[in-house]
């Protein structure tokens, strides 16, 4: 059954005059009569009786009008929902992020939710390596991550980062005297490999480059925990310099660059067709 036939029927229900109803539908009266006849043929009965006072609903017409209204309203709602999905106003957005992007997530996600309140947003704190895998397998739409050479991804640079020593406030060496050579053999507190595999590997490579075997005394699952352990005197540490922005209240630490080697940070998504909510979000982030 065609929705247009139902619309024609309902127009005549609301305006029981063929002339006015056809004008509302931008149809000629003969065309409206043909549509009504087609619908009546499908139903097997008359919807109107024609008389001097215009078209009068039959009992079939009266009962069928209730069902027709529901069908047309549902069709209109489905069409409107489809339009909103096509505009990126409905759907789902799955975002991954690392610790460096906390500020970005805290500002862009609420702004996106305000602009697109009916998009379901899921945010996951994941290491960059896991984010890249999740983008590739489709379980994430957008990632704030350490950029890679993965050609399956479209990546936009937002910032850069580098390793920095984390030292207790009363560490005996001045900042200018702190280097891998001067502090590399001290007890080391490090982020756990499974929590930040990329950064953990970078620290190991840095020690190996200087010919020093790291004395790891403790690993922690979060960079805040690493900072707390340094403050407690467990040892020194290395963290991404971006972590220094997130200090622990009441704790004073020193952060000293450990290497000139930098890596790029940014927002990434899969190449090819990208869900519209993800496109809208990336556009918002890139400004």
Protein backbone atom coordinates (compact mmCIF):
# COMPACT_ATOMS: atom_id res chain seq x y z
CA UNK A 1 0.00 0.00 0.00
CA UNK A 2 1.43 3.35 -1.06
CA UNK A 3 1.75 6.12 1.55
CA UNK A 4 0.70 8.67 -1.09
CA UNK A 5 -2.65 6.91 -1.44
CA UNK A 6 -3.17 7.21 2.30
CA UNK A 7 -2.22 10.89 2.22
CA UNK A 8 -4.74 11.52 -0.55
CA UNK A 9 -7.43 9.69 1.42
CA UNK A 10 -6.68 11.62 4.63
CA UNK A 11 -6.70 14.94 2.79
CA UNK A 12 -10.21 14.17 1.63
CA UNK A 13 -11.16 13.12 5.17
CA UNK A 14 -10.01 16.49 6.51
CA UNK A 15 -11.51 18.45 3.61
CA UNK A 16 -14.49 16.45 2.32
CA UNK A 17 -14.44 18.34 -0.94
CA UNK A 18 -12.62 17.01 -3.97
CA UNK A 19 -11.73 20.45 -5.23
CA UNK A 20 -10.14 21.67 -1.99
CA UNK A 21 -8.44 18.32 -1.27
CA UNK A 22 -6.89 18.12 -4.74
CA UNK A 23 -5.65 21.70 -4.38
CA UNK A 24 -3.97 20.86 -1.05
CA UNK A 25 -2.28 17.85 -2.66
CA UNK A 26 -1.32 19.73 -5.84
CA UNK A 27 -3.29 17.20 -7.85
CA UNK A 28 -6.05 17.52 -10.40
CA UNK A 29 -9.47 16.28 -9.31
CA UNK A 30 -9.36 13.36 -11.79
CA UNK A 31 -5.93 12.33 -10.40
CA UNK A 32 -7.29 12.41 -6.83
CA UNK A 33 -10.29 10.36 -7.88
CA UNK A 34 -7.98 7.78 -9.50
CA UNK A 35 -5.86 7.52 -6.33
CA UNK A 36 -8.93 7.11 -4.17
CA UNK A 37 -10.29 4.48 -6.56
CA UNK A 38 -6.99 2.58 -6.45
CA UNK A 39 -7.06 2.55 -2.64
CA UNK A 40 -10.68 1.40 -2.55
CA UNK A 41 -9.84 -1.38 -5.01
CA UNK A 42 -7.04 -2.58 -2.74
CA UNK A 43 -9.37 -2.53 0.28
CA UNK A 44 -12.33 -4.06 -1.49
CA UNK A 45 -14.87 -1.46 -0.37
CA UNK A 46 -15.96 2.16 -0.66
CA UNK A 47 -14.40 4.77 1.64
CA UNK A 48 -16.76 7.61 0.73
CA UNK A 49 -20.28 8.07 -0.41
CA UNK A 50 -20.68 10.96 -2.83
CA UNK A 51 -23.60 13.29 -2.45
CA UNK A 52 -24.77 16.88 -2.66
CA UNK A 53 -22.88 17.74 0.53
CA UNK A 54 -19.56 16.40 -0.67
CA UNK A 55 -17.75 13.18 0.19
CA UNK A 56 -19.12 11.44 3.28
CA UNK A 57 -17.15 8.72 5.06
CA UNK A 58 -18.60 5.24 5.01
CA UNK A 59 -18.23 3.01 8.05
CA UNK A 60 -15.19 1.42 6.38
CA UNK A 61 -13.79 4.89 5.70
CA UNK A 62 -14.31 6.03 9.30
CA UNK A 63 -12.53 3.03 10.79
CA UNK A 64 -9.81 2.94 8.13
CA UNK A 65 -9.02 6.64 8.66
CA UNK A 66 -7.81 5.88 12.21
CA UNK A 67 -5.39 3.23 10.94
CA UNK A 68 -4.30 5.39 8.01
CA UNK A 69 -3.41 8.30 10.31
CA UNK A 70 -1.21 6.05 12.43
CA UNK A 71 0.56 4.67 9.35
CA UNK A 72 1.20 8.12 7.86
CA UNK A 73 2.39 9.55 11.20
CA UNK A 74 4.75 6.60 11.59
CA UNK A 75 6.03 7.01 8.02
CA UNK A 76 6.62 10.73 8.63
CA UNK A 77 8.50 9.94 11.86
CA UNK A 78 10.67 7.35 10.10
CA UNK A 79 11.43 9.80 7.30
CA UNK A 80 12.32 12.56 9.76
CA UNK A 81 14.56 10.19 11.71
CA UNK A 82 16.28 9.19 8.48
CA UNK A 83 16.88 12.84 7.61
CA UNK A 84 18.38 13.47 11.04
CA UNK A 85 20.62 10.41 10.75
CA UNK A 86 21.78 11.68 7.35
CA UNK A 87 22.56 15.05 8.95
CA UNK A 88 24.59 13.43 11.75
CA UNK A 89 22.09 14.47 14.42
CA UNK A 90 21.28 10.90 15.50
CA UNK A 91 23.37 7.78 15.96
CA UNK A 92 26.35 6.75 18.04
CA UNK A 93 29.82 8.16 18.60
CA UNK A 94 32.55 6.07 20.25
CA UNK A 95 35.61 8.06 21.33
CA UNK A 96 38.93 6.82 22.68
CA UNK A 97 41.44 9.04 24.46
CA UNK A 98 44.73 9.00 26.35
CA UNK A 99 45.78 11.03 29.37
CA UNK A 100 47.27 13.85 27.26
CA UNK A 101 43.80 14.58 25.81
CA UNK A 102 41.87 14.94 29.08
CA UNK A 103 41.45 18.71 28.59
CA UNK A 104 40.27 18.26 25.01
CA UNK A 105 37.78 15.56 25.93
CA UNK A 106 36.49 17.63 28.85
CA UNK A 107 35.66 20.55 26.56
CA UNK A 108 34.75 19.04 23.18
CA UNK A 109 32.55 16.15 24.32
CA UNK A 110 30.13 18.34 26.36
CA UNK A 111 30.00 20.85 23.49
CA UNK A 112 29.20 18.05 21.03
CA UNK A 113 26.51 16.64 23.34
CA UNK A 114 24.92 20.06 23.61
CA UNK A 115 24.85 20.50 19.84
CA UNK A 116 23.76 16.91 19.09
CA UNK A 117 21.83 15.79 22.18
CA UNK A 118 20.38 12.68 20.54
CA UNK A 119 23.73 11.17 19.53
CA UNK A 120 24.79 8.51 22.03
CA UNK A 121 28.39 9.25 23.06
CA UNK A 122 30.67 6.63 24.63
CA UNK A 123 34.13 7.67 25.86
CA UNK A 124 36.89 5.15 26.69
CA UNK A 125 40.28 5.74 28.30
CA UNK A 126 42.69 3.53 26.32
CA UNK A 127 46.41 3.36 25.45
CA UNK A 128 47.22 4.63 21.96
CA UNK A 129 48.06 1.13 20.72
CA UNK A 130 44.65 -0.16 21.81
CA UNK A 131 42.94 2.86 20.26
CA UNK A 132 44.61 2.20 16.90
CA UNK A 133 43.45 -1.43 17.00
CA UNK A 134 39.92 -0.37 17.95
CA UNK A 135 39.77 2.10 15.06
CA UNK A 136 40.92 -0.60 12.66
CA UNK A 137 38.37 -3.19 13.83
CA UNK A 138 35.52 -0.66 13.99
CA UNK A 139 34.93 -0.66 17.75
CA UNK A 140 35.97 3.02 17.97
CA UNK A 141 34.98 5.86 15.65
CA UNK A 142 37.44 8.54 16.78
CA UNK A 143 40.63 8.43 18.85
CA UNK A 144 42.81 11.00 20.60
CA UNK A 145 46.05 9.09 20.30
CA UNK A 146 49.75 9.04 19.57
CA UNK A 147 49.92 9.28 15.79
CA UNK A 148 51.26 6.33 13.83
CA UNK A 149 52.20 5.37 10.28
CA UNK A 150 49.09 3.24 9.90
CA UNK A 151 47.80 4.01 6.40
CA UNK A 152 44.35 2.70 7.31
CA UNK A 153 43.81 5.81 9.43
CA UNK A 154 43.24 9.48 8.69
CA UNK A 155 45.21 11.44 11.31
CA UNK A 156 45.26 15.12 12.27
CA UNK A 157 48.09 16.50 14.40
CA UNK A 158 47.05 18.49 17.46
CA UNK A 159 50.17 18.55 19.67
CA UNK A 160 53.54 16.96 20.37
CA UNK A 161 54.97 15.35 23.49
CA UNK A 162 58.31 14.16 24.86
CA UNK A 163 59.61 12.19 27.86
CA UNK A 164 60.33 14.09 31.08
CA UNK A 165 61.94 13.07 34.36
CA UNK A 166 59.73 13.28 37.43
CA UNK A 167 61.76 14.14 40.52
CA UNK A 168 60.96 14.81 44.18
CA UNK A 169 60.93 18.50 45.09
CA UNK A 170 64.12 18.11 47.17
CA UNK A 171 66.07 16.12 44.56
CA UNK A 172 69.77 17.05 45.08
CA UNK A 173 70.66 17.90 41.47
CA UNK A 174 69.76 21.15 39.73
CA UNK A 175 67.61 20.80 36.63
CA UNK A 176 70.50 21.57 34.31
CA UNK A 177 72.49 18.69 35.83
CA UNK A 178 69.71 16.13 35.36
CA UNK A 179 70.32 13.73 32.48
CA UNK A 180 70.18 10.02 31.74
CA UNK A 181 73.85 9.83 32.62
CA UNK A 182 73.41 11.47 36.03
CA UNK A 183 70.17 9.83 37.18
CA UNK A 184 69.71 6.78 34.96
CA UNK A 185 70.92 4.30 37.56
CA UNK A 186 68.62 5.52 40.33
CA UNK A 187 65.54 3.48 41.38
CA UNK A 188 62.83 3.89 38.77
CA UNK A 189 59.05 4.02 39.16
CA UNK A 190 57.37 3.36 35.83
CA UNK A 191 53.93 3.19 34.27
CA UNK A 192 52.88 -0.44 33.79
CA UNK A 193 53.54 -1.94 30.37
CA UNK A 194 49.93 -3.04 29.86
CA UNK A 195 48.62 0.44 30.75
CA UNK A 196 50.86 2.43 28.38
CA UNK A 197 52.73 -0.06 26.19
CA UNK A 198 53.99 2.57 23.75
CA UNK A 199 55.44 4.86 26.40
CA UNK A 200 56.84 1.94 28.43
CA UNK A 201 58.67 0.73 25.32
CA UNK A 202 59.97 4.26 24.64
CA UNK A 203 61.45 4.47 28.16
CA UNK A 204 63.12 1.08 27.75
CA UNK A 205 64.56 2.21 24.41
CA UNK A 206 65.88 5.42 25.99
CA UNK A 207 67.71 3.49 28.69
CA UNK A 208 69.07 1.04 26.14
CA UNK A 209 70.28 3.92 23.95
CA UNK A 210 72.37 5.20 26.87
CA UNK A 211 73.63 1.73 27.77
CA UNK A 212 71.90 1.75 31.18
CA UNK A 213 69.91 -1.09 32.70
CA UNK A 214 66.86 0.43 34.44
CA UNK A 215 66.36 -0.36 38.15
CA UNK A 216 62.58 -0.65 38.15
CA UNK A 217 61.41 -0.81 41.75
CA UNK A 218 57.69 -0.43 41.15
CA UNK A 219 55.17 -0.11 38.35
CA UNK A 220 51.83 1.70 38.57
CA UNK A 221 48.63 1.59 36.56
CA UNK A 222 48.12 5.35 36.27
CA UNK A 223 50.43 8.32 35.79
CA UNK A 224 48.94 9.97 38.88
CA UNK A 225 50.01 6.93 40.87
CA UNK A 226 53.51 7.22 39.38
CA UNK A 227 53.69 10.83 40.54
CA UNK A 228 52.49 9.90 44.02
CA UNK A 229 55.13 7.18 44.32
CA UNK A 230 57.87 9.62 43.32
CA UNK A 231 56.59 12.10 45.89
CA UNK A 232 56.67 9.27 48.48
CA UNK A 233 60.36 8.69 47.80
CA UNK A 234 60.14 5.39 45.93
CA UNK A 235 62.39 6.63 43.15
CA UNK A 236 62.44 8.87 40.10
CA UNK A 237 60.31 8.36 37.02
CA UNK A 238 59.80 9.23 33.39
CA UNK A 239 56.40 10.35 32.10
CA UNK A 240 55.13 12.14 29.00
CA UNK A 241 55.65 15.87 29.55
CA UNK A 242 51.92 16.42 28.98
CA UNK A 243 51.24 14.58 32.25
CA UNK A 244 52.99 17.38 34.17
CA UNK A 245 49.86 19.50 33.65
CA UNK A 246 47.90 17.18 35.91
CA UNK A 247 49.60 17.71 39.24
CA UNK A 248 48.39 16.21 42.51
CA UNK A 249 46.96 18.73 44.92
CA UNK A 250 49.39 19.46 47.74
CA UNK A 251 52.28 17.63 46.05
CA UNK A 252 55.16 19.52 44.44
CA UNK A 253 57.31 17.67 41.93
CA UNK A 254 59.95 18.68 39.42
CA UNK A 255 59.70 17.88 35.71
CA UNK A 256 62.86 17.98 33.59
CA UNK A 257 63.03 17.10 29.85
CA UNK A 258 64.73 13.75 29.40
CA UNK A 259 65.16 13.65 25.63
CA UNK A 260 64.78 15.81 22.54
CA UNK A 261 62.90 13.00 20.85
CA UNK A 262 59.25 13.97 20.33
CA UNK A 263 56.15 12.21 19.11
CA UNK A 264 53.02 13.60 17.53
CA UNK A 265 49.59 13.53 19.17
CA UNK A 266 46.28 14.06 17.46
CA UNK A 267 42.84 12.86 16.50
CA UNK A 268 42.35 9.92 14.16
CA UNK A 269 39.60 7.97 12.42
CA UNK A 270 39.37 5.27 9.78
CA UNK A 271 39.80 6.04 6.11
CA UNK A 272 36.77 5.55 3.89
CA UNK A 273 33.19 5.98 5.01
CA UNK A 274 33.03 7.52 8.48
CA UNK A 275 29.80 7.77 10.52
CA UNK A 276 28.40 11.29 10.30
CA UNK A 277 28.51 11.90 14.09
CA UNK A 278 32.25 11.12 13.95
CA UNK A 279 32.69 13.53 11.04
CA UNK A 280 30.86 16.25 12.94
CA UNK A 281 32.96 15.65 16.05
CA UNK A 282 36.28 15.78 14.17
CA UNK A 283 35.17 19.00 12.46
CA UNK A 284 34.36 20.48 15.87
CA UNK A 285 37.75 19.51 17.31
CA UNK A 286 39.69 20.86 14.34
CA UNK A 287 37.66 24.06 14.45
